[in-house]
Amino acid sequence: MALSSFGYVGYRSADLSEWNTYGTSLLGLQVVDSTRQSIAFRMDDRKQRIIVEAGDGGGASFYGWEAEDREALHAICRRLDQAEVPYTKMPTALCEQRAITEGVTFFDPAGNRLEVFYGATVADDDFAPSRAISGFVTGPLGLGHIALYVENIEPAHEFYTKILGFRMSDYVTAPFRAFFYHINPRHHSVALIEGKSNDVHHMMMELYHLDDVGQGYDIALKTPEMIATTLGRHSNDFMTSFYTRTPSQFLMEYGWGGKLINVNDWTPYEVTVGPSIWGHERDWLSEEGRQKAREMKLKAASDGVREPLYVAGDNFRDNAINCIWWEQARKASDSSDM
């Protein structure tokens, strides 16, 4: 694949001080640059990952997608040329501002500004989280994933798959219509959600330990109106997470235990269980949508839907379960699958 990961993102906010508090006190990000016009956050060995600029209206300003190398970047440019999609080479000053070597910028069919780049700057010192967390799952998987509202999924689907090289992971049709795409083993780096406008819905960042998420949830509970989606577990990427409202008026998913896939042997499919196995009460949905989601979760519980955990190394211990009933049920299940 020409693209390797979700590299960085830029947002707008009318109150940078509020973002400073939100990014440090709840998310655990490290502030690396703060002025009257912008604030930059770090979450790993990269010089920066999230840039928030002063501006009215909130929302996202740009999405940075990392190419594997210079040739991969130029391959994307050739695809853009073939599709007659105009693009602009990022000037040296902007590359320095983004902490990258080279990049181009263009727009997707929904009007989102995309920046494809290579050569991200690595910081000279270690990441220092602003609260006691174990750290974020990034590296070759990128900073997380982004979910976008689009008025018309079809042209966006064609653009992200045919030009940028994303591959579909799976999709849901109820209680809303959404498609999920990968460019590395992370289950999805971008999701397209059919909506009444073109806008950012949420960004996801993944933590190494479940307790990081639970303790973050406790912090968010001190301001209950901040919580947009309660703690729960997704049915497609298995993420255990909750969502909060950011100062930029979109949602931030804070999660643990995301599913990894084999990018060389993967077949897309429809997820009919619903978007979540349990939890995830979404107050941003209509009452009709919330009721549909509740019905799907209760059916999943009635059907006994269970999914495995994806756990980072040194983050677990096997628990000896001495339950005769459980062992018999497991053996019976194994033999029926043969």
C-alpha atoms as a PDB file:
ATOM      1  CA  MET A   1       0.000   0.000   0.000  1.00  0.00           C
ATOM      2  CA  ALA A   2       1.220   3.519  -0.782  1.00  0.00           C
ATOM      3  CA  LEU A   3      -0.233   4.941   2.441  1.00  0.00           C
ATOM      4  CA  SER A   4       0.943   3.468   5.729  1.00  0.00           C
ATOM      5  CA  SER A   5      -0.957   5.232   8.531  1.00  0.00           C
ATOM      6  CA  PHE A   6      -2.935   8.172   9.874  1.00  0.00           C
ATOM      7  CA  GLY A   7      -0.077  10.534  10.682  1.00  0.00           C
ATOM      8  CA  TYR A   8      -1.409  13.775  12.132  1.00  0.00           C
ATOM      9  CA  VAL A   9      -4.522  15.946  12.314  1.00  0.00           C
ATOM     10  CA  GLY A  10      -5.435  19.607  12.664  1.00  0.00           C
ATOM     11  CA  TYR A  11      -8.501  21.074  14.363  1.00  0.00           C
ATOM     12  CA  ARG A  12     -10.005  24.512  14.931  1.00  0.00           C
ATOM     13  CA  SER A  13     -11.153  25.880  18.271  1.00  0.00           C
ATOM     14  CA  ALA A  14     -12.359  29.217  19.605  1.00  0.00           C
ATOM     15  CA  ASP A  15     -10.775  28.443  22.989  1.00  0.00           C
ATOM     16  CA  LEU A  16      -7.219  27.061  22.932  1.00  0.00           C
ATOM     17  CA  SER A  17      -6.974  27.164  26.726  1.00  0.00           C
ATOM     18  CA  GLU A  18      -9.941  24.792  26.928  1.00  0.00           C
ATOM     19  CA  TRP A  19      -8.173  22.435  24.525  1.00  0.00           C
ATOM     20  CA  ASN A  20      -5.039  22.627  26.669  1.00  0.00           C
ATOM     21  CA  THR A  21      -7.002  21.499  29.719  1.00  0.00           C
ATOM     22  CA  TYR A  22      -8.938  18.827  27.817  1.00  0.00           C
ATOM     23  CA  GLY A  23      -5.840  17.430  26.077  1.00  0.00           C
ATOM     24  CA  THR A  24      -3.762  17.192  29.230  1.00  0.00           C
ATOM     25  CA  SER A  25      -6.154  16.548  32.130  1.00  0.00           C
ATOM     26  CA  LEU A  26      -8.314  13.953  30.351  1.00  0.00           C
ATOM     27  CA  LEU A  27      -6.430  12.595  27.335  1.00  0.00           C
ATOM     28  CA  GLY A  28      -2.933  12.672  28.809  1.00  0.00           C
ATOM     29  CA  LEU A  29      -1.315  14.353  25.785  1.00  0.00           C
ATOM     30  CA  GLN A  30       1.908  16.340  26.059  1.00  0.00           C
ATOM     31  CA  VAL A  31       1.850  19.996  25.051  1.00  0.00           C
ATOM     32  CA  VAL A  32       4.908  20.700  22.888  1.00  0.00           C
ATOM     33  CA  ASP A  33       4.101  24.126  21.480  1.00  0.00           C
ATOM     34  CA  SER A  34       1.571  26.715  22.607  1.00  0.00           C
ATOM     35  CA  THR A  35       0.977  30.220  21.241  1.00  0.00           C
ATOM     36  CA  ARG A  36      -1.989  32.580  20.950  1.00  0.00           C
ATOM     37  CA  GLN A  37      -2.714  31.082  17.517  1.00  0.00           C
ATOM     38  CA  SER A  38      -2.140  27.354  17.984  1.00  0.00           C
ATOM     39  CA  ILE A  39      -1.333  24.515  20.339  1.00  0.00           C
ATOM     40  CA  ALA A  40       0.443  21.276  19.391  1.00  0.00           C
ATOM     41  CA  PHE A  41       0.236  17.958  21.220  1.00  0.00           C
ATOM     42  CA  ARG A  42       2.510  14.955  21.278  1.00  0.00           C
ATOM     43  CA  MET A  43       1.463  11.361  22.030  1.00  0.00           C
ATOM     44  CA  ASP A  44       4.522   9.249  21.157  1.00  0.00           C
ATOM     45  CA  ASP A  45       8.018   9.612  19.688  1.00  0.00           C
ATOM     46  CA  ARG A  46       6.812  11.948  16.919  1.00  0.00           C
ATOM     47  CA  LYS A  47       7.443  15.665  17.368  1.00  0.00           C
ATOM     48  CA  GLN A  48       3.683  16.283  17.175  1.00  0.00           C
ATOM     49  CA  ARG A  49       0.469  14.491  16.250  1.00  0.00           C
ATOM     50  CA  ILE A  50      -2.424  16.899  16.954  1.00  0.00           C
ATOM     51  CA  ILE A  51      -2.416  20.595  16.070  1.00  0.00           C
ATOM     52  CA  VAL A  52      -5.256  22.883  17.212  1.00  0.00           C
ATOM     53  CA  GLU A  53      -5.486  26.309  15.595  1.00  0.00           C
ATOM     54  CA  ALA A  54      -7.484  29.312  16.771  1.00  0.00           C
ATOM     55  CA  GLY A  55     -10.669  29.681  14.753  1.00  0.00           C
ATOM     56  CA  ASP A  56     -14.427  29.909  14.979  1.00  0.00           C
ATOM     57  CA  GLY A  57     -16.804  27.043  14.279  1.00  0.00           C
ATOM     58  CA  GLY A  58     -14.665  24.148  15.486  1.00  0.00           C
ATOM     59  CA  GLY A  59     -14.241  21.015  13.408  1.00  0.00           C
ATOM     60  CA  ALA A  60     -11.214  19.756  11.491  1.00  0.00           C
ATOM     61  CA  SER A  61      -8.801  21.725   9.307  1.00  0.00           C
ATOM     62  CA  PHE A  62      -6.718  18.931   7.785  1.00  0.00           C
ATOM     63  CA  TYR A  63      -5.902  15.224   7.976  1.00  0.00           C
ATOM     64  CA  GLY A  64      -2.321  14.037   7.459  1.00  0.00           C
ATOM     65  CA  TRP A  65      -1.869  10.606   5.862  1.00  0.00           C
ATOM     66  CA  GLU A  66       1.624   9.130   5.950  1.00  0.00           C
ATOM     67  CA  ALA A  67       3.117   7.553   2.825  1.00  0.00           C
ATOM     68  CA  GLU A  68       5.634   4.734   3.166  1.00  0.00           C
ATOM     69  CA  ASP A  69       8.393   6.780   1.483  1.00  0.00           C
ATOM     70  CA  ARG A  70       9.043   9.413  -1.187  1.00  0.00           C
ATOM     71  CA  GLU A  71       8.187   7.047  -4.034  1.00  0.00           C
ATOM     72  CA  ALA A  72       4.895   6.132  -2.357  1.00  0.00           C
ATOM     73  CA  LEU A  73       4.047   9.835  -2.090  1.00  0.00           C
ATOM     74  CA  HIS A  74       4.763  10.292  -5.791  1.00  0.00           C
ATOM     75  CA  ALA A  75       2.665   7.220  -6.594  1.00  0.00           C
ATOM     76  CA  ILE A  76      -0.296   8.913  -4.887  1.00  0.00           C
ATOM     77  CA  CYS A  77       0.358  12.016  -6.974  1.00  0.00           C
ATOM     78  CA  ARG A  78       0.246   9.940 -10.154  1.00  0.00           C
ATOM     79  CA  ARG A  79      -3.106   8.473  -9.125  1.00  0.00           C
ATOM     80  CA  LEU A  80      -4.413  11.978  -8.437  1.00  0.00           C
ATOM     81  CA  ASP A  81      -3.231  13.059 -11.886  1.00  0.00           C
ATOM     82  CA  GLN A  82      -4.970  10.099 -13.541  1.00  0.00           C
ATOM     83  CA  ALA A  83      -8.205  10.895 -11.685  1.00  0.00           C
ATOM     84  CA  GLU A  84      -7.827  14.602 -12.540  1.00  0.00           C
ATOM     85  CA  VAL A  85      -7.851  15.571  -8.869  1.00  0.00           C
ATOM     86  CA  PRO A  86      -5.898  18.823  -8.389  1.00  0.00           C
ATOM     87  CA  TYR A  87      -3.229  18.899  -5.680  1.00  0.00           C
ATOM     88  CA  THR A  88      -0.607  21.330  -4.420  1.00  0.00           C
ATOM     89  CA  LYS A  89       2.912  20.664  -3.221  1.00  0.00           C
ATOM     90  CA  MET A  90       3.276  21.828   0.362  1.00  0.00           C
ATOM     91  CA  PRO A  91       5.797  24.687   0.621  1.00  0.00           C
ATOM     92  CA  THR A  92       8.905  24.302   2.756  1.00  0.00           C
ATOM     93  CA  ALA A  93       7.555  26.565   5.498  1.00  0.00           C
ATOM     94  CA  LEU A  94       4.383  24.481   5.833  1.00  0.00           C
ATOM     95  CA  CYS A  95       6.387  21.238   5.860  1.00  0.00           C
ATOM     96  CA  GLU A  96       8.471  22.642   8.704  1.00  0.00           C
ATOM     97  CA  GLN A  97       5.298  23.622  10.533  1.00  0.00           C
ATOM     98  CA  ARG A  98       3.909  20.087  10.102  1.00  0.00           C
ATOM     99  CA  ALA A  99       7.305  18.562  11.024  1.00  0.00           C
ATOM    100  CA  ILE A 100       7.560  16.528   7.808  1.00  0.00           C
ATOM    101  CA  THR A 101      10.006  16.232   4.900  1.00  0.00           C
ATOM    102  CA  GLU A 102       7.681  16.571   1.919  1.00  0.00           C
ATOM    103  CA  GLY A 103       3.950  16.523   1.241  1.00  0.00           C
ATOM    104  CA  VAL A 104       1.041  17.463  -1.011  1.00  0.00           C
ATOM    105  CA  THR A 105      -2.454  18.676  -0.207  1.00  0.00           C
ATOM    106  CA  PHE A 106      -5.820  18.150  -1.923  1.00  0.00           C
ATOM    107  CA  PHE A 107      -9.512  17.656  -1.110  1.00  0.00           C
ATOM    108  CA  ASP A 108     -11.696  14.550  -0.978  1.00  0.00           C
ATOM    109  CA  PRO A 109     -15.222  14.532  -2.514  1.00  0.00           C
ATOM    110  CA  ALA A 110     -16.718  15.691   0.803  1.00  0.00           C
ATOM    111  CA  GLY A 111     -14.441  18.743   0.938  1.00  0.00           C
ATOM    112  CA  ASN A 112     -12.019  17.473   3.595  1.00  0.00           C
ATOM    113  CA  ARG A 113      -8.485  18.803   3.247  1.00  0.00           C
ATOM    114  CA  LEU A 114      -6.063  15.865   3.055  1.00  0.00           C
ATOM    115  CA  GLU A 115      -2.292  16.051   3.304  1.00  0.00           C
ATOM    116  CA  VAL A 116      -0.187  13.103   2.158  1.00  0.00           C
ATOM    117  CA  PHE A 117       3.400  13.228   3.385  1.00  0.00           C
ATOM    118  CA  TYR A 118       6.514  11.268   4.226  1.00  0.00           C
ATOM    119  CA  GLY A 119       9.436  11.813   6.589  1.00  0.00           C
ATOM    120  CA  ALA A 120       7.828  12.786   9.906  1.00  0.00           C
ATOM    121  CA  THR A 121      10.190  14.328  12.455  1.00  0.00           C
ATOM    122  CA  VAL A 122      11.019  12.196  15.502  1.00  0.00           C
ATOM    123  CA  ALA A 123      11.505  14.070  18.784  1.00  0.00           C
ATOM    124  CA  ASP A 124      14.868  14.141  20.556  1.00  0.00           C
ATOM    125  CA  ASP A 125      13.402  13.287  23.962  1.00  0.00           C
ATOM    126  CA  ASP A 126      10.917  10.763  25.333  1.00  0.00           C
ATOM    127  CA  PHE A 127       7.162  11.306  25.338  1.00  0.00           C
ATOM    128  CA  ALA A 128       6.035  12.688  28.716  1.00  0.00           C
ATOM    129  CA  PRO A 129       2.281  12.143  29.258  1.00  0.00           C
ATOM    130  CA  SER A 130       0.513  14.860  31.227  1.00  0.00           C
ATOM    131  CA  ARG A 131      -1.223  12.352  33.502  1.00  0.00           C
ATOM    132  CA  ALA A 132      -0.338   8.846  34.658  1.00  0.00           C
ATOM    133  CA  ILE A 133      -1.116   6.708  31.591  1.00  0.00           C
ATOM    134  CA  SER A 134       0.783   3.804  30.054  1.00  0.00           C
ATOM    135  CA  GLY A 135       0.899   5.445  26.632  1.00  0.00           C
ATOM    136  CA  PHE A 136      -0.834   5.306  23.248  1.00  0.00           C
ATOM    137  CA  VAL A 137      -0.869   2.528  20.643  1.00  0.00           C
ATOM    138  CA  THR A 138       0.658   4.278  17.620  1.00  0.00           C
ATOM    139  CA  GLY A 139       3.864   3.374  15.740  1.00  0.00           C
ATOM    140  CA  PRO A 140       3.131   1.670  12.387  1.00  0.00           C
ATOM    141  CA  LEU A 141      -0.594   1.721  13.216  1.00  0.00           C
ATOM    142  CA  GLY A 142      -0.672   5.522  13.218  1.00  0.00           C
ATOM    143  CA  LEU A 143      -2.218   7.893  15.744  1.00  0.00           C
ATOM    144  CA  GLY A 144      -5.644   6.177  15.719  1.00  0.00           C
ATOM    145  CA  HIS A 145      -8.605   6.506  13.382  1.00  0.00           C
ATOM    146  CA  ILE A 146     -10.914   9.198  12.095  1.00  0.00           C
ATOM    147  CA  ALA A 147     -14.646   8.902  11.354  1.00  0.00           C
ATOM    148  CA  LEU A 148     -16.192  11.313   8.862  1.00  0.00           C
ATOM    149  CA  TYR A 149     -19.777  12.287   8.190  1.00  0.00           C
ATOM    150  CA  VAL A 150     -20.425  12.346   4.431  1.00  0.00           C
ATOM    151  CA  GLU A 151     -23.647  13.230   2.639  1.00  0.00           C
ATOM    152  CA  ASN A 152     -22.951  10.712  -0.122  1.00  0.00           C
ATOM    153  CA  ILE A 153     -20.859   7.652   0.695  1.00  0.00           C
ATOM    154  CA  GLU A 154     -20.457   6.296  -2.860  1.00  0.00           C
ATOM    155  CA  PRO A 155     -18.085   8.951  -4.314  1.00  0.00           C
ATOM    156  CA  ALA A 156     -16.136   9.070  -1.050  1.00  0.00           C
ATOM    157  CA  HIS A 157     -15.823   5.274  -1.114  1.00  0.00           C
ATOM    158  CA  GLU A 158     -14.481   5.368  -4.678  1.00  0.00           C
ATOM    159  CA  PHE A 159     -11.994   8.100  -3.781  1.00  0.00           C
ATOM    160  CA  TYR A 160     -10.559   6.454  -0.675  1.00  0.00           C
ATOM    161  CA  THR A 161     -10.322   2.978  -2.208  1.00  0.00           C
ATOM    162  CA  LYS A 162      -9.415   3.629  -5.858  1.00  0.00           C
ATOM    163  CA  ILE A 163      -7.115   6.647  -5.459  1.00  0.00           C
ATOM    164  CA  LEU A 164      -5.734   6.450  -1.908  1.00  0.00           C
ATOM    165  CA  GLY A 165      -5.630   2.643  -1.683  1.00  0.00           C
ATOM    166  CA  PHE A 166      -7.737   2.056   1.414  1.00  0.00           C
ATOM    167  CA  ARG A 167      -9.347  -1.378   1.707  1.00  0.00           C
ATOM    168  CA  MET A 168     -12.743  -2.012   3.222  1.00  0.00           C
ATOM    169  CA  SER A 169     -12.787  -3.869   6.523  1.00  0.00           C
ATOM    170  CA  ASP A 170     -16.559  -4.140   7.048  1.00  0.00           C
ATOM    171  CA  TYR A 171     -19.736  -2.078   7.151  1.00  0.00           C
ATOM    172  CA  VAL A 172     -22.989  -1.581   9.057  1.00  0.00           C
ATOM    173  CA  THR A 173     -26.415  -0.552   7.786  1.00  0.00           C
ATOM    174  CA  ALA A 174     -28.260  -0.098  11.120  1.00  0.00           C
ATOM    175  CA  PRO A 175     -28.867   1.916  13.238  1.00  0.00           C
ATOM    176  CA  PHE A 176     -26.884   4.085  10.795  1.00  0.00           C
ATOM    177  CA  ARG A 177     -24.934   3.427   7.591  1.00  0.00           C
ATOM    178  CA  ALA A 178     -21.139   3.337   7.943  1.00  0.00           C
ATOM    179  CA  PHE A 179     -18.150   1.858   6.097  1.00  0.00           C
ATOM    180  CA  PHE A 180     -14.752   1.083   7.688  1.00  0.00           C
ATOM    181  CA  TYR A 181     -11.387   1.048   5.865  1.00  0.00           C
ATOM    182  CA  HIS A 182      -7.832  -0.036   6.693  1.00  0.00           C
ATOM    183  CA  ILE A 183      -4.321   0.690   5.390  1.00  0.00           C
ATOM    184  CA  ASN A 184      -2.418  -1.316   8.028  1.00  0.00           C
ATOM    185  CA  PRO A 185      -3.328  -4.014  10.591  1.00  0.00           C
ATOM    186  CA  ARG A 186      -5.438  -1.581  12.637  1.00  0.00           C
ATOM    187  CA  HIS A 187      -9.047  -2.598  11.897  1.00  0.00           C
ATOM    188  CA  HIS A 188      -9.780   0.813  10.423  1.00  0.00           C
ATOM    189  CA  SER A 189      -7.957   4.107  10.035  1.00  0.00           C
ATOM    190  CA  VAL A 190     -10.923   5.897   8.481  1.00  0.00           C
ATOM    191  CA  ALA A 191     -14.686   5.380   8.643  1.00  0.00           C
ATOM    192  CA  LEU A 192     -17.359   7.008   6.485  1.00  0.00           C
ATOM    193  CA  ILE A 193     -20.731   7.600   8.146  1.00  0.00           C
ATOM    194  CA  GLU A 194     -23.687   8.652   6.045  1.00  0.00           C
ATOM    195  CA  GLY A 195     -25.098  11.904   7.409  1.00  0.00           C
ATOM    196  CA  LYS A 196     -26.850  15.121   6.549  1.00  0.00           C
ATOM    197  CA  SER A 197     -23.613  17.114   6.309  1.00  0.00           C
ATOM    198  CA  ASN A 198     -19.907  16.710   5.576  1.00  0.00           C
ATOM    199  CA  ASP A 199     -18.018  16.958   8.843  1.00  0.00           C
ATOM    200  CA  VAL A 200     -15.818  15.105  11.305  1.00  0.00           C
ATOM    201  CA  HIS A 201     -17.735  12.761  13.619  1.00  0.00           C
ATOM    202  CA  HIS A 202     -14.972  11.474  15.890  1.00  0.00           C
ATOM    203  CA  MET A 203     -11.319  10.635  16.281  1.00  0.00           C
ATOM    204  CA  MET A 204     -10.090   7.572  18.173  1.00  0.00           C
ATOM    205  CA  MET A 205      -6.954   7.236  20.249  1.00  0.00           C
ATOM    206  CA  GLU A 206      -6.022   3.850  21.741  1.00  0.00           C
ATOM    207  CA  LEU A 207      -4.347   3.253  25.108  1.00  0.00           C
ATOM    208  CA  TYR A 208      -2.084   0.367  26.119  1.00  0.00           C
ATOM    209  CA  HIS A 209      -3.977  -0.473  29.314  1.00  0.00           C
ATOM    210  CA  LEU A 210      -7.684  -0.836  29.997  1.00  0.00           C
ATOM    211  CA  ASP A 211      -7.223   0.958  33.317  1.00  0.00           C
ATOM    212  CA  ASP A 212      -6.075   4.080  31.431  1.00  0.00           C
ATOM    213  CA  VAL A 213      -9.484   4.162  29.756  1.00  0.00           C
ATOM    214  CA  GLY A 214     -11.403   3.417  32.960  1.00  0.00           C
ATOM    215  CA  GLN A 215      -9.572   6.131  34.867  1.00  0.00           C
ATOM    216  CA  GLY A 216     -10.177   8.518  31.989  1.00  0.00           C
ATOM    217  CA  TYR A 217     -13.872   7.664  32.212  1.00  0.00           C
ATOM    218  CA  ASP A 218     -13.817   8.548  35.917  1.00  0.00           C
ATOM    219  CA  ILE A 219     -12.304  11.931  35.040  1.00  0.00           C
ATOM    220  CA  ALA A 220     -14.943  12.535  32.355  1.00  0.00           C
ATOM    221  CA  LEU A 221     -17.734  11.578  34.765  1.00  0.00           C
ATOM    222  CA  LYS A 222     -16.879  14.676  36.822  1.00  0.00           C
ATOM    223  CA  THR A 223     -18.393  16.599  33.884  1.00  0.00           C
ATOM    224  CA  PRO A 224     -21.233  14.277  32.786  1.00  0.00           C
ATOM    225  CA  GLU A 225     -22.383  16.557  29.966  1.00  0.00           C
ATOM    226  CA  MET A 226     -18.991  15.977  28.320  1.00  0.00           C
ATOM    227  CA  ILE A 227     -19.796  12.271  27.736  1.00  0.00           C
ATOM    228  CA  ALA A 228     -21.429  11.692  24.347  1.00  0.00           C
ATOM    229  CA  THR A 229     -21.202   7.882  24.322  1.00  0.00           C
ATOM    230  CA  THR A 230     -20.975   5.799  27.476  1.00  0.00           C
ATOM    231  CA  LEU A 231     -18.429   3.062  28.110  1.00  0.00           C
ATOM    232  CA  GLY A 232     -18.996   0.063  25.846  1.00  0.00           C
ATOM    233  CA  ARG A 233     -17.430  -2.373  23.375  1.00  0.00           C
ATOM    234  CA  HIS A 234     -17.646  -2.248  19.595  1.00  0.00           C
ATOM    235  CA  SER A 235     -18.669  -5.287  17.592  1.00  0.00           C
ATOM    236  CA  ASN A 236     -16.346  -4.815  14.617  1.00  0.00           C
ATOM    237  CA  ASP A 237     -12.996  -3.580  15.982  1.00  0.00           C
ATOM    238  CA  PHE A 238     -13.690  -4.896  19.539  1.00  0.00           C
ATOM    239  CA  MET A 239     -12.590  -1.567  21.061  1.00  0.00           C
ATOM    240  CA  THR A 240     -13.648  -0.942  24.652  1.00  0.00           C
ATOM    241  CA  SER A 241     -14.127   2.813  24.792  1.00  0.00           C
ATOM    242  CA  PHE A 242     -16.139   5.906  25.618  1.00  0.00           C
ATOM    243  CA  TYR A 243     -16.608   9.177  23.718  1.00  0.00           C
ATOM    244  CA  THR A 244     -16.376  12.759  24.947  1.00  0.00           C
ATOM    245  CA  ARG A 245     -17.173  16.098  23.338  1.00  0.00           C
ATOM    246  CA  THR A 246     -14.034  18.028  22.447  1.00  0.00           C
ATOM    247  CA  PRO A 247     -13.668  21.819  22.575  1.00  0.00           C
ATOM    248  CA  SER A 248     -13.745  21.666  18.742  1.00  0.00           C
ATOM    249  CA  GLN A 249     -17.311  20.305  18.766  1.00  0.00           C
ATOM    250  CA  PHE A 250     -16.584  16.780  17.533  1.00  0.00           C
ATOM    251  CA  LEU A 251     -16.258  13.554  19.517  1.00  0.00           C
ATOM    252  CA  MET A 252     -13.107  11.858  20.820  1.00  0.00           C
ATOM    253  CA  GLU A 253     -13.119   8.082  21.315  1.00  0.00           C
ATOM    254  CA  TYR A 254     -10.806   6.936  24.104  1.00  0.00           C
ATOM    255  CA  GLY A 255     -10.306   3.191  23.828  1.00  0.00           C
ATOM    256  CA  TRP A 256      -8.393  -0.012  24.494  1.00  0.00           C
ATOM    257  CA  GLY A 257      -8.014  -3.443  22.889  1.00  0.00           C
ATOM    258  CA  GLY A 258      -8.527  -2.669  19.197  1.00  0.00           C
ATOM    259  CA  LYS A 259      -8.679  -5.558  16.738  1.00  0.00           C
ATOM    260  CA  LEU A 260      -5.756  -6.230  14.385  1.00  0.00           C
ATOM    261  CA  ILE A 261      -6.392  -7.784  10.970  1.00  0.00           C
ATOM    262  CA  ASN A 262      -4.353  -9.602   8.338  1.00  0.00           C
ATOM    263  CA  VAL A 263      -4.232  -7.045   5.520  1.00  0.00           C
ATOM    264  CA  ASN A 264      -3.106  -9.687   3.016  1.00  0.00           C
ATOM    265  CA  ASP A 265      -6.004 -12.037   3.699  1.00  0.00           C
ATOM    266  CA  TRP A 266      -9.128 -10.119   4.592  1.00  0.00           C
ATOM    267  CA  THR A 267     -12.664 -10.286   3.190  1.00  0.00           C
ATOM    268  CA  PRO A 268     -15.055  -7.406   3.933  1.00  0.00           C
ATOM    269  CA  TYR A 269     -18.430  -8.322   5.429  1.00  0.00           C
ATOM    270  CA  GLU A 270     -21.550  -6.735   6.882  1.00  0.00           C
ATOM    271  CA  VAL A 271     -21.701  -6.482  10.675  1.00  0.00           C
ATOM    272  CA  THR A 272     -25.288  -7.338  11.558  1.00  0.00           C
ATOM    273  CA  VAL A 273     -24.911  -7.537  15.346  1.00  0.00           C
ATOM    274  CA  GLY A 274     -24.994  -3.737  15.520  1.00  0.00           C
ATOM    275  CA  PRO A 275     -22.182  -1.248  16.165  1.00  0.00           C
ATOM    276  CA  SER A 276     -21.677  -2.326  19.804  1.00  0.00           C
ATOM    277  CA  ILE A 277     -21.873  -5.576  21.774  1.00  0.00           C
ATOM    278  CA  TRP A 278     -22.731  -3.746  24.987  1.00  0.00           C
ATOM    279  CA  GLY A 279     -22.769  -0.221  26.407  1.00  0.00           C
ATOM    280  CA  HIS A 280     -22.099   2.763  24.123  1.00  0.00           C
ATOM    281  CA  GLU A 281     -25.339   4.611  24.784  1.00  0.00           C
ATOM    282  CA  ARG A 282     -25.157   7.326  22.102  1.00  0.00           C
ATOM    283  CA  ASP A 283     -26.854  10.589  23.006  1.00  0.00           C
ATOM    284  CA  TRP A 284     -25.935  12.057  19.613  1.00  0.00           C
ATOM    285  CA  LEU A 285     -28.312   9.641  17.858  1.00  0.00           C
ATOM    286  CA  SER A 286     -31.992  10.395  17.369  1.00  0.00           C
ATOM    287  CA  GLU A 287     -34.335   8.704  19.844  1.00  0.00           C
ATOM    288  CA  GLU A 288     -35.336   6.297  17.087  1.00  0.00           C
ATOM    289  CA  GLY A 289     -31.699   5.457  16.405  1.00  0.00           C
ATOM    290  CA  ARG A 290     -30.950   5.014  20.105  1.00  0.00           C
ATOM    291  CA  GLN A 291     -33.885   2.659  20.502  1.00  0.00           C
ATOM    292  CA  LYS A 292     -32.746   0.616  17.503  1.00  0.00           C
ATOM    293  CA  ALA A 293     -29.237   0.408  18.934  1.00  0.00           C
ATOM    294  CA  ARG A 294     -30.610  -0.732  22.306  1.00  0.00           C
ATOM    295  CA  GLU A 295     -32.654  -3.469  20.651  1.00  0.00           C
ATOM    296  CA  MET A 296     -29.596  -4.708  18.746  1.00  0.00           C
ATOM    297  CA  LYS A 297     -27.472  -4.800  21.925  1.00  0.00           C
ATOM    298  CA  LEU A 298     -30.156  -6.713  23.824  1.00  0.00           C
ATOM    299  CA  LYS A 299     -30.360  -9.210  20.970  1.00  0.00           C
ATOM    300  CA  ALA A 300     -26.571  -9.606  21.056  1.00  0.00           C
ATOM    301  CA  ALA A 301     -26.823 -10.315  24.783  1.00  0.00           C
ATOM    302  CA  SER A 302     -29.654 -12.785  24.216  1.00  0.00           C
ATOM    303  CA  ASP A 303     -27.631 -14.536  21.497  1.00  0.00           C
ATOM    304  CA  GLY A 304     -24.575 -14.700  23.766  1.00  0.00           C
ATOM    305  CA  VAL A 305     -22.286 -12.713  21.458  1.00  0.00           C
ATOM    306  CA  ARG A 306     -18.714 -12.849  22.764  1.00  0.00           C
ATOM    307  CA  GLU A 307     -15.477 -11.705  21.119  1.00  0.00           C
ATOM    308  CA  PRO A 308     -11.792 -12.335  21.943  1.00  0.00           C
ATOM    309  CA  LEU A 309      -9.526  -9.677  23.431  1.00  0.00           C
ATOM    310  CA  TYR A 310      -6.577  -8.133  21.596  1.00  0.00           C
ATOM    311  CA  VAL A 311      -4.034  -7.411  24.320  1.00  0.00           C
ATOM    312  CA  ALA A 312      -0.538  -5.911  24.038  1.00  0.00           C
ATOM    313  CA  GLY A 313       2.383  -7.991  25.284  1.00  0.00           C
ATOM    314  CA  ASP A 314       3.122  -7.838  29.035  1.00  0.00           C
ATOM    315  CA  ASN A 315      -0.391  -6.448  29.520  1.00  0.00           C
ATOM    316  CA  PHE A 316      -2.066  -9.610  30.780  1.00  0.00           C
ATOM    317  CA  ARG A 317      -1.742 -12.810  32.757  1.00  0.00           C
ATOM    318  CA  ASP A 318      -3.494 -16.045  31.915  1.00  0.00           C
ATOM    319  CA  ASN A 319      -6.079 -16.850  34.548  1.00  0.00           C
ATOM    320  CA  ALA A 320      -6.468 -20.502  35.529  1.00  0.00           C
ATOM    321  CA  ILE A 321     -10.203 -21.194  35.299  1.00  0.00           C
ATOM    322  CA  ASN A 322     -11.124 -24.332  37.215  1.00  0.00           C
ATOM    323  CA  CYS A 323     -14.727 -24.527  36.157  1.00  0.00           C
ATOM    324  CA  ILE A 324     -15.883 -27.953  34.952  1.00  0.00           C
ATOM    325  CA  TRP A 325     -18.951 -26.523  33.205  1.00  0.00           C
ATOM    326  CA  TRP A 326     -16.872 -23.929  31.331  1.00  0.00           C
ATOM    327  CA  GLU A 327     -14.255 -26.452  30.225  1.00  0.00           C
ATOM    328  CA  GLN A 328     -16.933 -28.864  28.986  1.00  0.00           C
ATOM    329  CA  ALA A 329     -18.692 -26.079  27.078  1.00  0.00           C
ATOM    330  CA  ARG A 330     -15.414 -24.946  25.514  1.00  0.00           C
ATOM    331  CA  LYS A 331     -14.470 -28.468  24.428  1.00  0.00           C
ATOM    332  CA  ALA A 332     -17.942 -29.006  22.998  1.00  0.00           C
ATOM    333  CA  SER A 333     -17.660 -25.771  21.044  1.00  0.00           C
ATOM    334  CA  ASP A 334     -14.198 -26.724  19.748  1.00  0.00           C
ATOM    335  CA  SER A 335     -15.378 -30.133  18.583  1.00  0.00           C
ATOM    336  CA  SER A 336     -18.417 -28.660  16.805  1.00  0.00           C
ATOM    337  CA  ASP A 337     -16.134 -26.318  14.839  1.00  0.00           C
ATOM    338  CA  MET A 338     -14.051 -29.199  13.487  1.00  0.00           C
END
